[in-house]
Amino acid sequence: MNEIREVDRFECTVISVIQNLIWKGITVEEKVTRGRVYFGRVNGEIDIKLGDALHLGVKPVYEVEDKTMRVTLYDAEDKKLDWTLV
């Protein structure tokens, strides 16, 4: 079995964008597994639309309240947009 490394990136597609006052809530879907992840604090000034391609970075972490992975959302230039635990 291949291990996931912190530098690995997985392409995903934006399937939902919710604009709040300051933040955007972004739901993305990974292309191969079709798994979905929600990020609730993406900078509202960044132009992100439905169908945009972004990337996920996954890093295993010690279990925190039954969560075992830190998932980070990146844009095409590898700039970190937000992160969450899953």
N, C-alpha and C. Protein backbone atom coordinates (compact mmCIF):
# COMPACT_ATOMS: atom_id res chain seq x y z
N MET A 1 0.84 -1.18 0.00
CA MET A 1 0.00 0.00 0.00
C MET A 1 0.89 1.24 0.00
N ASN A 2 0.54 2.22 -0.81
CA ASN A 2 1.29 3.47 -0.88
C ASN A 2 0.90 4.38 0.27
N GLU A 3 1.89 5.02 0.86
CA GLU A 3 1.62 5.98 1.92
C GLU A 3 1.37 7.35 1.31
N ILE A 4 0.48 8.10 1.93
CA ILE A 4 0.24 9.47 1.51
C ILE A 4 1.29 10.34 2.19
N ARG A 5 1.95 11.16 1.39
CA ARG A 5 2.97 12.07 1.92
C ARG A 5 2.42 13.49 1.94
N GLU A 6 2.98 14.32 2.80
CA GLU A 6 2.51 15.69 2.94
C GLU A 6 2.62 16.47 1.63
N VAL A 7 3.57 16.13 0.78
CA VAL A 7 3.75 16.86 -0.47
C VAL A 7 2.83 16.36 -1.59
N ASP A 8 2.12 15.26 -1.37
CA ASP A 8 1.18 14.76 -2.37
C ASP A 8 0.02 15.73 -2.53
N ARG A 9 -0.44 15.90 -3.77
CA ARG A 9 -1.59 16.75 -4.06
C ARG A 9 -2.59 15.95 -4.88
N PHE A 10 -3.87 16.14 -4.59
CA PHE A 10 -4.94 15.45 -5.31
C PHE A 10 -5.84 16.50 -5.94
N GLU A 11 -6.07 16.39 -7.24
CA GLU A 11 -6.90 17.37 -7.92
C GLU A 11 -8.36 17.20 -7.51
N CYS A 12 -9.04 18.33 -7.34
CA CYS A 12 -10.45 18.31 -6.98
C CYS A 12 -11.17 19.42 -7.73
N THR A 13 -12.49 19.35 -7.72
CA THR A 13 -13.33 20.31 -8.41
C THR A 13 -14.24 20.99 -7.40
N VAL A 14 -14.41 22.29 -7.53
CA VAL A 14 -15.32 23.04 -6.66
C VAL A 14 -16.75 22.71 -7.05
N ILE A 15 -17.55 22.23 -6.08
CA ILE A 15 -18.94 21.88 -6.38
C ILE A 15 -19.94 22.78 -5.65
N SER A 16 -19.45 23.61 -4.72
CA SER A 16 -20.34 24.52 -4.00
C SER A 16 -19.52 25.68 -3.46
N VAL A 17 -20.09 26.90 -3.59
CA VAL A 17 -19.47 28.10 -3.04
C VAL A 17 -20.54 28.88 -2.29
N ILE A 18 -20.31 29.14 -1.01
CA ILE A 18 -21.23 29.92 -0.19
C ILE A 18 -20.48 31.18 0.25
N GLN A 19 -20.98 32.35 -0.15
CA GLN A 19 -20.33 33.61 0.20
C GLN A 19 -20.92 34.14 1.50
N ASN A 20 -20.07 34.32 2.51
CA ASN A 20 -20.47 34.96 3.77
C ASN A 20 -19.95 36.39 3.73
N LEU A 21 -20.00 37.09 4.85
CA LEU A 21 -19.51 38.47 4.87
C LEU A 21 -18.01 38.56 4.60
N ILE A 22 -17.22 37.72 5.25
CA ILE A 22 -15.77 37.79 5.09
C ILE A 22 -15.23 36.54 4.41
N TRP A 23 -15.81 35.39 4.68
CA TRP A 23 -15.29 34.10 4.23
C TRP A 23 -16.16 33.50 3.13
N LYS A 24 -15.60 32.51 2.46
CA LYS A 24 -16.36 31.66 1.55
C LYS A 24 -16.34 30.25 2.11
N GLY A 25 -17.45 29.56 2.01
CA GLY A 25 -17.52 28.14 2.31
C GLY A 25 -17.41 27.39 1.00
N ILE A 26 -16.41 26.55 0.87
CA ILE A 26 -16.13 25.86 -0.39
C ILE A 26 -16.24 24.35 -0.17
N THR A 27 -17.03 23.68 -0.99
CA THR A 27 -17.06 22.22 -0.99
C THR A 27 -16.39 21.75 -2.27
N VAL A 28 -15.45 20.82 -2.12
CA VAL A 28 -14.74 20.28 -3.27
C VAL A 28 -14.94 18.77 -3.33
N GLU A 29 -14.80 18.24 -4.53
CA GLU A 29 -14.92 16.79 -4.75
C GLU A 29 -13.65 16.29 -5.41
N GLU A 30 -13.01 15.30 -4.79
CA GLU A 30 -11.81 14.70 -5.35
C GLU A 30 -12.19 13.89 -6.59
N LYS A 31 -11.40 14.02 -7.65
CA LYS A 31 -11.78 13.45 -8.95
C LYS A 31 -11.84 11.93 -8.99
N VAL A 32 -10.92 11.24 -8.35
CA VAL A 32 -10.86 9.79 -8.45
C VAL A 32 -11.84 9.11 -7.50
N THR A 33 -11.79 9.46 -6.22
CA THR A 33 -12.62 8.80 -5.21
C THR A 33 -14.01 9.41 -5.09
N ARG A 34 -14.18 10.61 -5.62
CA ARG A 34 -15.44 11.37 -5.53
C ARG A 34 -15.77 11.74 -4.08
N GLY A 35 -14.76 11.69 -3.21
CA GLY A 35 -14.93 12.12 -1.83
C GLY A 35 -15.04 13.63 -1.76
N ARG A 36 -15.84 14.12 -0.81
CA ARG A 36 -16.08 15.55 -0.69
C ARG A 36 -15.57 16.07 0.64
N VAL A 37 -15.05 17.31 0.60
CA VAL A 37 -14.56 17.97 1.80
C VAL A 37 -15.06 19.41 1.77
N TYR A 38 -15.49 19.90 2.94
CA TYR A 38 -15.96 21.28 3.07
C TYR A 38 -14.91 22.11 3.80
N PHE A 39 -14.63 23.29 3.28
CA PHE A 39 -13.72 24.24 3.90
C PHE A 39 -14.51 25.52 4.17
N GLY A 40 -14.60 25.93 5.42
CA GLY A 40 -15.49 27.03 5.80
C GLY A 40 -14.86 28.39 5.93
N ARG A 41 -13.53 28.49 5.80
CA ARG A 41 -12.89 29.79 6.01
C ARG A 41 -11.90 30.14 4.91
N VAL A 42 -12.37 30.08 3.67
CA VAL A 42 -11.54 30.50 2.54
C VAL A 42 -11.73 32.02 2.40
N ASN A 43 -10.65 32.74 2.18
CA ASN A 43 -10.70 34.19 2.04
C ASN A 43 -11.75 34.58 1.00
N GLY A 44 -12.68 35.44 1.40
CA GLY A 44 -13.78 35.85 0.52
C GLY A 44 -13.36 36.67 -0.67
N GLU A 45 -12.14 37.23 -0.65
CA GLU A 45 -11.67 38.05 -1.77
C GLU A 45 -11.09 37.22 -2.91
N ILE A 46 -10.84 35.95 -2.67
CA ILE A 46 -10.28 35.07 -3.70
C ILE A 46 -11.40 34.67 -4.66
N ASP A 47 -11.13 34.77 -5.96
CA ASP A 47 -12.13 34.45 -6.98
C ASP A 47 -12.16 32.94 -7.21
N ILE A 48 -13.17 32.29 -6.63
CA ILE A 48 -13.37 30.85 -6.80
C ILE A 48 -14.79 30.63 -7.28
N LYS A 49 -14.94 29.85 -8.36
CA LYS A 49 -16.25 29.60 -8.95
C LYS A 49 -16.51 28.10 -9.04
N LEU A 50 -17.77 27.74 -9.21
CA LEU A 50 -18.14 26.34 -9.43
C LEU A 50 -17.36 25.79 -10.62
N GLY A 51 -16.86 24.58 -10.47
CA GLY A 51 -16.12 23.93 -11.55
C GLY A 51 -14.63 24.21 -11.56
N ASP A 52 -14.16 25.17 -10.76
CA ASP A 52 -12.72 25.46 -10.70
C ASP A 52 -11.96 24.24 -10.21
N ALA A 53 -10.75 24.06 -10.70
CA ALA A 53 -9.88 22.97 -10.25
C ALA A 53 -8.97 23.50 -9.15
N LEU A 54 -8.97 22.83 -8.01
CA LEU A 54 -8.09 23.12 -6.89
C LEU A 54 -7.37 21.83 -6.52
N HIS A 55 -6.56 21.87 -5.46
CA HIS A 55 -5.83 20.68 -5.06
C HIS A 55 -5.95 20.46 -3.56
N LEU A 56 -5.94 19.19 -3.17
CA LEU A 56 -5.98 18.80 -1.77
C LEU A 56 -4.63 18.23 -1.38
N GLY A 57 -4.16 18.60 -0.21
CA GLY A 57 -2.99 17.98 0.40
C GLY A 57 -3.45 17.27 1.65
N VAL A 58 -2.99 16.05 1.86
CA VAL A 58 -3.44 15.25 2.99
C VAL A 58 -2.23 14.87 3.84
N LYS A 59 -2.38 15.04 5.15
CA LYS A 59 -1.30 14.70 6.06
C LYS A 59 -1.89 13.90 7.22
N PRO A 60 -1.44 12.67 7.42
CA PRO A 60 -1.90 11.91 8.58
C PRO A 60 -1.48 12.62 9.87
N VAL A 61 -2.36 12.63 10.86
CA VAL A 61 -2.07 13.22 12.17
C VAL A 61 -2.49 12.24 13.25
N TYR A 62 -2.00 12.47 14.45
CA TYR A 62 -2.47 11.66 15.55
C TYR A 62 -3.95 11.91 15.74
N GLU A 63 -4.67 10.91 16.17
CA GLU A 63 -6.12 11.01 16.29
C GLU A 63 -6.50 12.14 17.25
N VAL A 64 -7.35 13.04 16.76
CA VAL A 64 -7.88 14.15 17.54
C VAL A 64 -9.39 14.07 17.43
N GLU A 65 -10.05 13.65 18.51
CA GLU A 65 -11.51 13.51 18.50
C GLU A 65 -11.98 12.71 17.29
N ASP A 66 -11.45 11.55 17.08
CA ASP A 66 -11.74 10.60 15.99
C ASP A 66 -11.38 11.11 14.59
N LYS A 67 -10.63 12.18 14.49
CA LYS A 67 -10.15 12.70 13.21
C LYS A 67 -8.69 12.25 13.05
N THR A 68 -8.34 11.76 11.85
CA THR A 68 -6.99 11.22 11.66
C THR A 68 -6.20 11.87 10.52
N MET A 69 -6.82 12.79 9.78
CA MET A 69 -6.13 13.42 8.65
C MET A 69 -6.34 14.93 8.68
N ARG A 70 -5.27 15.65 8.35
CA ARG A 70 -5.37 17.09 8.14
C ARG A 70 -5.40 17.29 6.63
N VAL A 71 -6.48 17.87 6.13
CA VAL A 71 -6.66 18.09 4.69
C VAL A 71 -6.54 19.59 4.42
N THR A 72 -5.66 19.95 3.50
CA THR A 72 -5.41 21.35 3.18
C THR A 72 -5.82 21.61 1.74
N LEU A 73 -6.48 22.74 1.52
CA LEU A 73 -6.93 23.16 0.19
C LEU A 73 -5.92 24.14 -0.39
N TYR A 74 -5.48 23.87 -1.64
CA TYR A 74 -4.50 24.70 -2.32
C TYR A 74 -5.05 25.16 -3.67
N ASP A 75 -4.59 26.33 -4.12
CA ASP A 75 -4.95 26.76 -5.46
C ASP A 75 -3.93 26.22 -6.47
N ALA A 76 -4.04 26.62 -7.73
CA ALA A 76 -3.16 26.09 -8.78
C ALA A 76 -1.70 26.48 -8.57
N GLU A 77 -1.44 27.58 -7.86
CA GLU A 77 -0.07 28.03 -7.60
C GLU A 77 0.46 27.48 -6.28
N ASP A 78 -0.22 26.51 -5.71
CA ASP A 78 0.17 25.84 -4.46
C ASP A 78 0.10 26.76 -3.24
N LYS A 79 -0.79 27.76 -3.30
CA LYS A 79 -1.02 28.66 -2.17
C LYS A 79 -2.09 28.04 -1.27
N LYS A 80 -1.81 27.98 0.04
CA LYS A 80 -2.75 27.39 0.98
C LYS A 80 -3.96 28.31 1.15
N LEU A 81 -5.17 27.74 0.96
CA LEU A 81 -6.41 28.50 1.09
C LEU A 81 -7.12 28.25 2.42
N ASP A 82 -7.10 27.01 2.92
CA ASP A 82 -7.77 26.64 4.16
C ASP A 82 -7.37 25.21 4.51
N TRP A 83 -7.72 24.78 5.71
CA TRP A 83 -7.46 23.40 6.12
C TRP A 83 -8.57 22.95 7.06
N THR A 84 -8.69 21.62 7.21
CA THR A 84 -9.67 21.03 8.11
C THR A 84 -9.17 19.66 8.56
N LEU A 85 -9.75 19.15 9.62
CA LEU A 85 -9.46 17.79 10.08
C LEU A 85 -10.61 16.87 9.66
N VAL A 86 -10.28 15.69 9.15
CA VAL A 86 -11.31 14.69 8.81
C VAL A 86 -10.92 13.36 9.41
